[in-house]
Amino acid sequence: MERERPAPMPFGASGEDAIELSRRWMVFLGAHDVVVARNGERKLCDLYSRRYLAWVTDERGNVDTAAVDRAAAVATSDGRIPLVFIPGGVRPVARERADSLGVALLRYRANDGALDGVNALGRQLRADGLIAG
């Protein structure tokens, strides 16, 4: 399977577009089996694969600990690695909590197609990729 870097979305991404952009990044990074959650699954997460559960927010502003705690709780009980895709910043306390709970924080910039890791695990996964299957 050929991996293609996600194309920029010059007008930005919200809602389903943000989820699709994040899905494309997961595939590009190596999680080839990623699926968009549908219907009832959407209450748990936005994207999932055998090894990862991902939540995508399109809200501006800084992510707080609630998003990190929720991702950690669901993924830990499921045995998968939690990823949180965000378009903005992260409160320092949320970044510290994500590091301590093993939650990867990844910031996407739809307008230029960029993705960067916000915390230690996010930077590691962005640099090294996601383990497939």
N, C-alpha and C. Protein backbone atom coordinates (compact mmCIF):
# COMPACT_ATOMS: atom_id res chain seq x y z
N MET A 1 0.85 -1.19 0.00
CA MET A 1 0.00 0.00 0.00
C MET A 1 0.89 1.24 0.00
N GLU A 2 0.67 2.09 -0.95
CA GLU A 2 1.45 3.31 -1.03
C GLU A 2 0.86 4.36 -0.10
N ARG A 3 1.74 4.96 0.69
CA ARG A 3 1.28 5.98 1.62
C ARG A 3 1.51 7.35 0.99
N GLU A 4 0.46 8.16 1.07
CA GLU A 4 0.53 9.50 0.51
C GLU A 4 0.27 10.51 1.62
N ARG A 5 1.15 11.49 1.70
CA ARG A 5 0.98 12.53 2.72
C ARG A 5 -0.33 13.27 2.46
N PRO A 6 -1.11 13.54 3.52
CA PRO A 6 -2.37 14.27 3.32
C PRO A 6 -2.15 15.63 2.67
N ALA A 7 -3.02 15.94 1.75
CA ALA A 7 -2.94 17.22 1.04
C ALA A 7 -3.47 18.35 1.93
N PRO A 8 -2.94 19.54 1.74
CA PRO A 8 -3.47 20.69 2.49
C PRO A 8 -4.95 20.94 2.16
N MET A 9 -5.65 21.51 3.12
CA MET A 9 -7.04 21.92 2.94
C MET A 9 -7.04 23.44 3.15
N PRO A 10 -6.84 24.20 2.08
CA PRO A 10 -6.63 25.65 2.20
C PRO A 10 -7.73 26.40 2.97
N PHE A 11 -8.93 25.86 2.98
CA PHE A 11 -10.03 26.55 3.67
C PHE A 11 -10.26 26.00 5.06
N GLY A 12 -9.33 25.15 5.53
CA GLY A 12 -9.44 24.59 6.87
C GLY A 12 -10.29 23.34 6.90
N ALA A 13 -10.40 22.77 8.09
CA ALA A 13 -11.17 21.54 8.26
C ALA A 13 -11.96 21.60 9.56
N SER A 14 -13.22 21.26 9.47
CA SER A 14 -14.03 21.17 10.67
C SER A 14 -14.89 19.92 10.56
N GLY A 15 -15.36 19.44 11.66
CA GLY A 15 -16.25 18.28 11.66
C GLY A 15 -15.68 17.08 10.95
N GLU A 16 -16.42 16.57 9.97
CA GLU A 16 -16.03 15.37 9.24
C GLU A 16 -14.72 15.55 8.47
N ASP A 17 -14.46 16.76 7.98
CA ASP A 17 -13.21 17.01 7.26
C ASP A 17 -12.00 16.84 8.19
N ALA A 18 -12.12 17.30 9.42
CA ALA A 18 -11.03 17.15 10.40
C ALA A 18 -10.80 15.68 10.71
N ILE A 19 -11.87 14.92 10.82
CA ILE A 19 -11.75 13.48 11.08
C ILE A 19 -11.09 12.79 9.89
N GLU A 20 -11.50 13.14 8.69
CA GLU A 20 -10.90 12.53 7.49
C GLU A 20 -9.43 12.90 7.36
N LEU A 21 -9.08 14.13 7.65
CA LEU A 21 -7.67 14.54 7.61
C LEU A 21 -6.87 13.73 8.62
N SER A 22 -7.39 13.56 9.81
CA SER A 22 -6.69 12.78 10.84
C SER A 22 -6.58 11.31 10.43
N ARG A 23 -7.62 10.78 9.81
CA ARG A 23 -7.57 9.40 9.31
C ARG A 23 -6.45 9.26 8.28
N ARG A 24 -6.35 10.20 7.39
CA ARG A 24 -5.31 10.16 6.36
C ARG A 24 -3.92 10.22 6.99
N TRP A 25 -3.77 11.03 8.03
CA TRP A 25 -2.48 11.09 8.73
C TRP A 25 -2.17 9.75 9.39
N MET A 26 -3.16 9.11 9.98
CA MET A 26 -2.92 7.80 10.61
C MET A 26 -2.46 6.78 9.56
N VAL A 27 -3.10 6.78 8.41
CA VAL A 27 -2.70 5.87 7.33
C VAL A 27 -1.27 6.20 6.88
N PHE A 28 -1.00 7.48 6.66
CA PHE A 28 0.33 7.90 6.23
C PHE A 28 1.40 7.46 7.23
N LEU A 29 1.07 7.53 8.53
CA LEU A 29 2.03 7.16 9.57
C LEU A 29 2.12 5.65 9.78
N GLY A 30 1.25 4.87 9.12
CA GLY A 30 1.42 3.42 9.18
C GLY A 30 0.23 2.61 9.66
N ALA A 31 -0.81 3.23 10.18
CA ALA A 31 -1.99 2.50 10.64
C ALA A 31 -2.94 2.30 9.46
N HIS A 32 -2.62 1.33 8.61
CA HIS A 32 -3.36 1.12 7.36
C HIS A 32 -4.79 0.64 7.56
N ASP A 33 -5.10 0.14 8.74
CA ASP A 33 -6.43 -0.42 8.98
C ASP A 33 -7.37 0.55 9.70
N VAL A 34 -7.04 1.81 9.72
CA VAL A 34 -7.85 2.79 10.46
C VAL A 34 -9.22 2.97 9.79
N VAL A 35 -10.25 3.09 10.64
CA VAL A 35 -11.64 3.20 10.20
C VAL A 35 -12.29 4.38 10.92
N VAL A 36 -13.16 5.08 10.22
CA VAL A 36 -13.93 6.15 10.85
C VAL A 36 -15.07 5.50 11.62
N ALA A 37 -15.20 5.86 12.88
CA ALA A 37 -16.28 5.32 13.71
C ALA A 37 -17.62 5.83 13.20
N ARG A 38 -18.61 5.01 13.28
CA ARG A 38 -19.96 5.35 12.81
C ARG A 38 -20.97 5.15 13.92
N ASN A 39 -22.05 5.88 13.85
CA ASN A 39 -23.21 5.74 14.73
C ASN A 39 -22.83 5.59 16.20
N GLY A 40 -23.18 4.48 16.81
CA GLY A 40 -22.95 4.27 18.24
C GLY A 40 -21.49 4.26 18.63
N GLU A 41 -20.62 3.81 17.70
CA GLU A 41 -19.18 3.81 17.98
C GLU A 41 -18.67 5.22 18.22
N ARG A 42 -19.30 6.21 17.61
CA ARG A 42 -18.87 7.60 17.70
C ARG A 42 -18.88 8.11 19.13
N LYS A 43 -19.66 7.46 20.01
CA LYS A 43 -19.69 7.88 21.41
C LYS A 43 -18.37 7.57 22.10
N LEU A 44 -17.63 6.59 21.60
CA LEU A 44 -16.37 6.19 22.21
C LEU A 44 -15.17 6.92 21.63
N CYS A 45 -15.10 6.99 20.29
CA CYS A 45 -13.96 7.62 19.64
C CYS A 45 -14.35 8.00 18.21
N ASP A 46 -13.45 8.69 17.51
CA ASP A 46 -13.73 9.09 16.13
C ASP A 46 -13.10 8.15 15.11
N LEU A 47 -11.94 7.60 15.45
CA LEU A 47 -11.20 6.71 14.55
C LEU A 47 -10.66 5.54 15.35
N TYR A 48 -10.56 4.39 14.70
CA TYR A 48 -9.98 3.26 15.41
C TYR A 48 -9.27 2.31 14.45
N SER A 49 -8.30 1.62 14.98
CA SER A 49 -7.59 0.57 14.26
C SER A 49 -7.28 -0.51 15.30
N ARG A 50 -6.60 -1.54 14.87
CA ARG A 50 -6.28 -2.61 15.82
C ARG A 50 -5.45 -2.11 16.99
N ARG A 51 -4.56 -1.17 16.76
CA ARG A 51 -3.63 -0.73 17.80
C ARG A 51 -3.94 0.65 18.39
N TYR A 52 -4.81 1.43 17.74
CA TYR A 52 -5.03 2.82 18.15
C TYR A 52 -6.51 3.19 18.22
N LEU A 53 -6.81 4.08 19.16
CA LEU A 53 -8.10 4.76 19.21
C LEU A 53 -7.77 6.24 19.10
N ALA A 54 -8.54 6.98 18.31
CA ALA A 54 -8.24 8.40 18.11
C ALA A 54 -9.48 9.26 18.28
N TRP A 55 -9.25 10.41 18.87
CA TRP A 55 -10.28 11.42 19.04
C TRP A 55 -9.82 12.64 18.27
N VAL A 56 -10.74 13.29 17.59
CA VAL A 56 -10.43 14.46 16.76
C VAL A 56 -11.29 15.61 17.22
N THR A 57 -10.65 16.72 17.50
CA THR A 57 -11.41 17.92 17.82
C THR A 57 -11.12 18.98 16.76
N ASP A 58 -12.13 19.77 16.47
CA ASP A 58 -11.92 20.89 15.55
C ASP A 58 -12.14 22.21 16.27
N GLU A 59 -12.21 22.14 17.59
CA GLU A 59 -12.44 23.34 18.40
C GLU A 59 -11.16 24.13 18.58
N ARG A 60 -11.29 25.42 18.42
CA ARG A 60 -10.15 26.30 18.66
C ARG A 60 -9.99 26.46 20.17
N GLY A 61 -8.82 26.85 20.56
CA GLY A 61 -8.55 27.01 21.99
C GLY A 61 -7.69 25.86 22.48
N ASN A 62 -7.36 25.93 23.75
CA ASN A 62 -6.45 24.96 24.33
C ASN A 62 -7.18 23.75 24.90
N VAL A 63 -6.67 22.57 24.57
CA VAL A 63 -7.22 21.33 25.10
C VAL A 63 -6.90 21.24 26.58
N ASP A 64 -7.88 20.79 27.34
CA ASP A 64 -7.70 20.65 28.78
C ASP A 64 -7.60 19.17 29.14
N THR A 65 -7.49 18.90 30.41
CA THR A 65 -7.27 17.53 30.88
C THR A 65 -8.46 16.60 30.63
N ALA A 66 -9.66 17.11 30.50
CA ALA A 66 -10.83 16.25 30.31
C ALA A 66 -10.69 15.38 29.07
N ALA A 67 -10.23 15.94 27.96
CA ALA A 67 -10.05 15.17 26.72
C ALA A 67 -8.97 14.11 26.89
N VAL A 68 -7.92 14.45 27.59
CA VAL A 68 -6.83 13.51 27.83
C VAL A 68 -7.29 12.38 28.73
N ASP A 69 -7.99 12.73 29.81
CA ASP A 69 -8.48 11.70 30.74
C ASP A 69 -9.44 10.74 30.06
N ARG A 70 -10.33 11.26 29.26
CA ARG A 70 -11.31 10.40 28.56
C ARG A 70 -10.61 9.45 27.60
N ALA A 71 -9.69 9.98 26.81
CA ALA A 71 -8.96 9.14 25.87
C ALA A 71 -8.17 8.05 26.60
N ALA A 72 -7.52 8.42 27.67
CA ALA A 72 -6.73 7.44 28.44
C ALA A 72 -7.63 6.36 29.03
N ALA A 73 -8.76 6.75 29.59
CA ALA A 73 -9.66 5.78 30.22
C ALA A 73 -10.22 4.78 29.22
N VAL A 74 -10.69 5.26 28.08
CA VAL A 74 -11.28 4.37 27.08
C VAL A 74 -10.20 3.46 26.47
N ALA A 75 -9.07 4.03 26.08
CA ALA A 75 -8.03 3.25 25.41
C ALA A 75 -7.38 2.25 26.38
N THR A 76 -7.18 2.64 27.61
CA THR A 76 -6.56 1.73 28.58
C THR A 76 -7.44 0.50 28.80
N SER A 77 -8.74 0.72 28.93
CA SER A 77 -9.63 -0.41 29.14
C SER A 77 -9.73 -1.28 27.89
N ASP A 78 -9.36 -0.73 26.75
CA ASP A 78 -9.45 -1.41 25.47
C ASP A 78 -8.11 -2.02 25.04
N GLY A 79 -7.01 -1.55 25.65
CA GLY A 79 -5.69 -2.05 25.31
C GLY A 79 -5.04 -1.41 24.10
N ARG A 80 -5.60 -0.32 23.62
CA ARG A 80 -5.02 0.37 22.46
C ARG A 80 -4.36 1.67 22.89
N ILE A 81 -3.58 2.23 22.01
CA ILE A 81 -2.88 3.49 22.28
C ILE A 81 -3.79 4.65 21.90
N PRO A 82 -3.99 5.60 22.82
CA PRO A 82 -4.86 6.75 22.53
C PRO A 82 -4.12 7.88 21.80
N LEU A 83 -4.79 8.40 20.77
CA LEU A 83 -4.29 9.55 20.01
C LEU A 83 -5.35 10.64 20.08
N VAL A 84 -4.93 11.88 20.28
CA VAL A 84 -5.85 13.01 20.25
C VAL A 84 -5.32 14.01 19.23
N PHE A 85 -6.12 14.23 18.18
CA PHE A 85 -5.77 15.19 17.13
C PHE A 85 -6.45 16.52 17.44
N ILE A 86 -5.67 17.59 17.42
CA ILE A 86 -6.18 18.92 17.77
C ILE A 86 -5.69 19.96 16.76
N PRO A 87 -6.44 21.05 16.58
CA PRO A 87 -5.99 22.11 15.68
C PRO A 87 -5.27 23.24 16.41
N GLY A 88 -5.34 23.25 17.72
CA GLY A 88 -4.80 24.38 18.48
C GLY A 88 -3.80 23.96 19.53
N GLY A 89 -3.83 24.67 20.63
CA GLY A 89 -2.88 24.44 21.70
C GLY A 89 -3.36 23.45 22.75
N VAL A 90 -2.50 23.27 23.73
CA VAL A 90 -2.78 22.37 24.84
C VAL A 90 -2.33 23.07 26.12
N ARG A 91 -3.19 23.04 27.11
CA ARG A 91 -2.79 23.60 28.40
C ARG A 91 -1.62 22.79 28.95
N PRO A 92 -0.66 23.44 29.59
CA PRO A 92 0.51 22.71 30.12
C PRO A 92 0.12 21.54 31.03
N VAL A 93 -0.89 21.72 31.84
CA VAL A 93 -1.31 20.63 32.73
C VAL A 93 -1.85 19.45 31.92
N ALA A 94 -2.51 19.71 30.81
CA ALA A 94 -3.02 18.64 29.94
C ALA A 94 -1.86 17.92 29.25
N ARG A 95 -0.85 18.66 28.86
CA ARG A 95 0.32 18.04 28.21
C ARG A 95 1.04 17.13 29.21
N GLU A 96 1.21 17.60 30.42
CA GLU A 96 1.85 16.78 31.46
C GLU A 96 1.04 15.53 31.74
N ARG A 97 -0.27 15.69 31.81
CA ARG A 97 -1.15 14.55 32.09
C ARG A 97 -1.10 13.55 30.93
N ALA A 98 -1.08 14.04 29.70
CA ALA A 98 -0.98 13.15 28.54
C ALA A 98 0.33 12.36 28.59
N ASP A 99 1.41 13.02 28.95
CA ASP A 99 2.68 12.32 29.07
C ASP A 99 2.61 11.22 30.13
N SER A 100 2.01 11.53 31.26
CA SER A 100 1.96 10.55 32.35
C SER A 100 0.99 9.40 32.05
N LEU A 101 -0.04 9.64 31.22
CA LEU A 101 -1.03 8.61 30.92
C LEU A 101 -0.78 7.88 29.60
N GLY A 102 0.23 8.29 28.85
CA GLY A 102 0.53 7.63 27.58
C GLY A 102 -0.42 7.99 26.45
N VAL A 103 -0.89 9.24 26.43
CA VAL A 103 -1.78 9.73 25.37
C VAL A 103 -0.95 10.58 24.42
N ALA A 104 -1.01 10.26 23.13
CA ALA A 104 -0.29 11.05 22.12
C ALA A 104 -1.14 12.24 21.70
N LEU A 105 -0.58 13.42 21.77
CA LEU A 105 -1.25 14.64 21.31
C LEU A 105 -0.61 15.07 19.99
N LEU A 106 -1.45 15.20 18.96
CA LEU A 106 -0.98 15.54 17.62
C LEU A 106 -1.76 16.75 17.11
N ARG A 107 -1.02 17.79 16.70
CA ARG A 107 -1.65 19.01 16.21
C ARG A 107 -1.62 19.02 14.68
N TYR A 108 -2.82 19.15 14.09
CA TYR A 108 -2.90 19.24 12.63
C TYR A 108 -3.15 20.69 12.23
N ARG A 109 -2.60 21.03 11.09
CA ARG A 109 -2.87 22.33 10.49
C ARG A 109 -3.42 22.06 9.10
N ALA A 110 -4.72 22.11 9.01
CA ALA A 110 -5.39 21.73 7.76
C ALA A 110 -4.95 22.61 6.60
N ASN A 111 -4.81 23.91 6.83
CA ASN A 111 -4.54 24.83 5.72
C ASN A 111 -3.23 24.54 4.99
N ASP A 112 -2.22 24.01 5.69
CA ASP A 112 -0.98 23.66 4.99
C ASP A 112 -0.67 22.16 5.06
N GLY A 113 -1.57 21.39 5.66
CA GLY A 113 -1.43 19.94 5.69
C GLY A 113 -0.41 19.40 6.68
N ALA A 114 0.06 20.22 7.59
CA ALA A 114 1.11 19.81 8.52
C ALA A 114 0.54 19.04 9.72
N LEU A 115 1.41 18.26 10.35
CA LEU A 115 1.08 17.55 11.58
C LEU A 115 2.33 17.55 12.44
N ASP A 116 2.17 17.88 13.71
CA ASP A 116 3.31 17.80 14.62
C ASP A 116 2.87 17.24 15.96
N GLY A 117 3.82 16.63 16.64
CA GLY A 117 3.57 16.10 17.96
C GLY A 117 3.62 17.22 18.98
N VAL A 118 2.69 17.20 19.92
CA VAL A 118 2.61 18.26 20.93
C VAL A 118 3.27 17.83 22.23
N ASN A 119 3.21 16.55 22.55
CA ASN A 119 3.85 16.05 23.75
C ASN A 119 4.88 14.99 23.35
N ALA A 120 5.53 14.37 24.34
CA ALA A 120 6.62 13.43 24.04
C ALA A 120 6.16 12.27 23.16
N LEU A 121 5.05 11.62 23.51
CA LEU A 121 4.57 10.49 22.71
C LEU A 121 4.11 10.95 21.33
N GLY A 122 3.46 12.09 21.27
CA GLY A 122 3.04 12.63 19.98
C GLY A 122 4.22 12.89 19.06
N ARG A 123 5.30 13.48 19.61
CA ARG A 123 6.50 13.73 18.80
C ARG A 123 7.14 12.42 18.36
N GLN A 124 7.16 11.43 19.25
CA GLN A 124 7.75 10.14 18.91
C GLN A 124 6.98 9.45 17.79
N LEU A 125 5.65 9.41 17.91
CA LEU A 125 4.83 8.76 16.89
C LEU A 125 4.89 9.51 15.57
N ARG A 126 4.97 10.82 15.61
CA ARG A 126 5.06 11.61 14.38
C ARG A 126 6.38 11.32 13.69
N ALA A 127 7.45 11.18 14.45
CA ALA A 127 8.78 10.93 13.87
C ALA A 127 8.95 9.47 13.41
N ASP A 128 8.49 8.53 14.23
CA ASP A 128 8.73 7.11 13.97
C ASP A 128 7.60 6.41 13.24
N GLY A 129 6.40 6.98 13.29
CA GLY A 129 5.25 6.37 12.65
C GLY A 129 4.46 5.49 13.61
N LEU A 130 3.32 5.03 13.11
CA LEU A 130 2.45 4.14 13.86
C LEU A 130 2.70 2.71 13.43
N ILE A 131 2.64 1.81 14.36
CA ILE A 131 2.83 0.40 14.06
C ILE A 131 1.55 -0.13 13.44
N ALA A 132 1.66 -0.74 12.29
CA ALA A 132 0.48 -1.29 11.61
C ALA A 132 0.01 -2.57 12.29
N GLY A 133 -1.30 -2.82 12.14
CA GLY A 133 -1.92 -4.05 12.61
C GLY A 133 -1.54 -4.39 13.95
